[in-house]
Amino acid sequence: MTSLLDRHRERFLANPDDGQAFTALEEELHLAAQWDALIEVYQCRIHSAALADAPSERAQLQLRMGQVQQDRCNDLDGALECYREALLSDSKCRPAMLRMRKVHTARGQWEIALQIAEVEVALPQPPPDRARVLSEMGTIWLDHLQDR
């Protein structure tokens, strides 16, 4: 007997452009905690013809793939690569910038974190969000770079 996961996988692999099949398979893989398989599905969907002219949607998938790499696989380098790809697809993808900045901050790469924050703060955003980024920049300067 074929499992629901297998049926979703079969349907998606037959047509990676099928958004419903992708969504169903993504959900099943997430529930089953099959992170490597989920990453493969993200890669397949990102390179599908359906997303060739959809940079914002591609960026969102690259962001989600990075989140899986970071939060579930503890692969920070892989996550950073996904966030970079998201920004290449959509240069205004603030969630990818935030995630990148947080990884570099956790690694103590203060200058890189500040460079990302400078780009992030220049993007259109609600005043409270801009204030939060500026505050975090100030904290980095005061706590880690004021003597340089």
Protein backbone atom coordinates (compact mmCIF):
# COMPACT_ATOMS: atom_id res chain seq x y z
CA MET A 1 0.00 0.00 0.00
CA THR A 2 1.36 3.38 -0.98
CA SER A 3 1.59 6.00 1.75
CA LEU A 4 0.21 9.50 1.41
CA LEU A 5 3.75 10.84 1.42
CA ASP A 6 4.71 8.53 -1.44
CA ARG A 7 1.66 9.59 -3.45
CA HIS A 8 2.46 13.28 -2.93
CA ARG A 9 6.09 12.66 -3.88
CA GLU A 10 5.11 10.76 -7.02
CA ARG A 11 2.68 13.50 -8.09
CA PHE A 12 5.21 16.28 -7.54
CA LEU A 13 8.07 14.50 -9.26
CA ALA A 14 5.81 13.88 -12.27
CA ASN A 15 5.26 17.65 -12.51
CA PRO A 16 7.37 20.05 -10.36
CA ASP A 17 5.28 22.92 -11.78
CA ASP A 18 2.22 21.63 -9.90
CA GLY A 19 1.88 24.05 -6.98
CA GLN A 20 -0.71 21.95 -5.16
CA ALA A 21 1.47 18.86 -5.36
CA PHE A 22 4.43 20.88 -4.08
CA THR A 23 2.47 22.30 -1.15
CA ALA A 24 1.12 18.89 -0.15
CA LEU A 25 4.54 17.24 -0.36
CA GLU A 26 6.22 20.10 1.51
CA GLU A 27 3.73 19.72 4.35
CA GLU A 28 4.07 15.93 4.51
CA LEU A 29 7.88 16.06 4.52
CA HIS A 30 7.85 18.72 7.22
CA LEU A 31 5.50 16.67 9.39
CA ALA A 32 7.69 13.59 8.84
CA ALA A 33 10.83 15.62 9.69
CA GLN A 34 12.48 14.44 6.47
CA TRP A 35 14.68 17.51 6.15
CA ASP A 36 17.08 16.31 3.44
CA ALA A 37 14.16 15.22 1.27
CA LEU A 38 12.44 18.57 1.89
CA ILE A 39 15.56 20.44 0.78
CA GLU A 40 15.66 18.37 -2.41
CA VAL A 41 12.01 19.19 -3.09
CA TYR A 42 12.70 22.90 -2.54
CA GLN A 43 15.58 22.72 -5.01
CA CYS A 44 13.45 20.96 -7.58
CA ARG A 45 10.61 23.48 -7.20
CA ILE A 46 12.97 26.49 -7.31
CA HIS A 47 14.32 25.28 -10.66
CA SER A 48 10.89 24.48 -12.11
CA ALA A 49 9.57 26.31 -15.15
CA ALA A 50 6.67 27.62 -13.04
CA LEU A 51 9.08 29.82 -11.05
CA ALA A 52 11.29 30.94 -13.93
CA ASP A 53 9.55 34.31 -14.02
CA ALA A 54 8.59 34.49 -10.34
CA PRO A 55 11.62 35.87 -8.49
CA SER A 56 9.70 36.78 -5.34
CA GLU A 57 8.21 33.30 -5.00
CA ARG A 58 11.61 31.74 -5.74
CA ALA A 59 13.16 33.94 -3.03
CA GLN A 60 10.54 32.78 -0.52
CA LEU A 61 11.33 29.14 -1.25
CA GLN A 62 15.06 29.80 -0.99
CA LEU A 63 14.39 31.48 2.34
CA ARG A 64 12.37 28.49 3.58
CA MET A 65 15.07 26.12 2.40
CA GLY A 66 17.62 28.19 4.34
CA GLN A 67 15.46 28.05 7.44
CA VAL A 68 15.35 24.26 7.24
CA GLN A 69 19.13 24.14 6.76
CA GLN A 70 19.67 26.48 9.71
CA ASP A 71 17.01 25.37 12.18
CA ARG A 72 16.65 21.66 11.42
CA CYS A 73 19.98 20.57 9.88
CA ASN A 74 22.27 22.99 11.76
CA ASP A 75 23.99 23.76 8.45
CA LEU A 76 24.76 27.46 8.77
CA ASP A 77 26.90 27.60 5.64
CA GLY A 78 24.15 25.95 3.62
CA ALA A 79 21.62 28.33 5.15
CA LEU A 80 23.73 31.37 4.27
CA GLU A 81 23.98 30.17 0.68
CA CYS A 82 20.19 29.86 0.51
CA TYR A 83 19.75 33.37 1.93
CA ARG A 84 22.23 34.73 -0.63
CA GLU A 85 20.30 33.01 -3.40
CA ALA A 86 17.06 34.46 -2.04
CA LEU A 87 18.57 37.94 -2.22
CA LEU A 88 19.80 37.32 -5.76
CA SER A 89 16.23 36.42 -6.68
CA ASP A 90 14.71 39.34 -4.76
CA SER A 91 17.11 41.97 -3.48
CA LYS A 92 14.45 43.31 -1.09
CA CYS A 93 13.81 40.04 0.74
CA ARG A 94 14.15 41.43 4.27
CA PRO A 95 13.59 38.08 6.02
CA ALA A 96 16.64 36.67 4.18
CA MET A 97 18.70 39.69 5.24
CA LEU A 98 17.57 39.32 8.83
CA ARG A 99 18.44 35.62 8.88
CA MET A 100 21.86 36.29 7.30
CA ARG A 101 22.55 39.03 9.81
CA LYS A 102 21.59 36.79 12.72
CA VAL A 103 23.93 34.01 11.52
CA HIS A 104 26.85 36.43 11.17
CA THR A 105 26.06 37.97 14.56
CA ALA A 106 26.02 34.52 16.19
CA ARG A 107 29.39 33.83 14.60
CA GLY A 108 30.81 37.10 15.93
CA GLN A 109 31.25 38.49 12.42
CA TRP A 110 30.26 41.98 13.50
CA GLU A 111 31.36 43.91 10.45
CA ILE A 112 29.44 41.63 8.08
CA ALA A 113 26.38 41.83 10.32
CA LEU A 114 26.57 45.63 10.23
CA GLN A 115 26.94 45.71 6.45
CA ILE A 116 23.82 43.59 6.08
CA ALA A 117 21.95 45.78 8.58
CA GLU A 118 22.92 48.91 6.63
CA VAL A 119 21.35 47.47 3.49
CA GLU A 120 18.35 46.24 5.45
CA VAL A 121 17.67 49.58 7.13
CA ALA A 122 17.73 51.37 3.75
CA LEU A 123 14.77 49.31 2.48
CA PRO A 124 11.21 50.55 2.81
CA GLN A 125 9.73 49.24 6.03
CA PRO A 126 7.51 50.29 8.92
CA PRO A 127 9.19 52.70 11.37
CA PRO A 128 9.19 50.19 14.27
CA ASP A 129 11.06 47.66 12.12
CA ARG A 130 13.60 50.28 11.03
CA ALA A 131 14.07 51.34 14.67
CA ARG A 132 14.68 47.71 15.69
CA VAL A 133 17.40 47.28 13.06
CA LEU A 134 19.03 50.59 14.03
CA SER A 135 18.94 49.58 17.68
CA GLU A 136 20.58 46.25 16.90
CA MET A 137 23.25 48.08 14.87
CA GLY A 138 23.91 50.35 17.86
CA THR A 139 24.22 47.37 20.17
CA ILE A 140 26.81 45.77 17.87
CA TRP A 141 28.80 49.00 17.76
CA LEU A 142 28.68 49.57 21.50
CA ASP A 143 29.28 46.00 22.60
CA HIS A 144 31.75 44.80 19.97
CA LEU A 145 33.26 47.52 17.80
CA GLN A 146 33.58 50.74 19.76
CA ASP A 147 37.30 50.22 20.37
CA ARG A 148 38.14 49.66 16.70
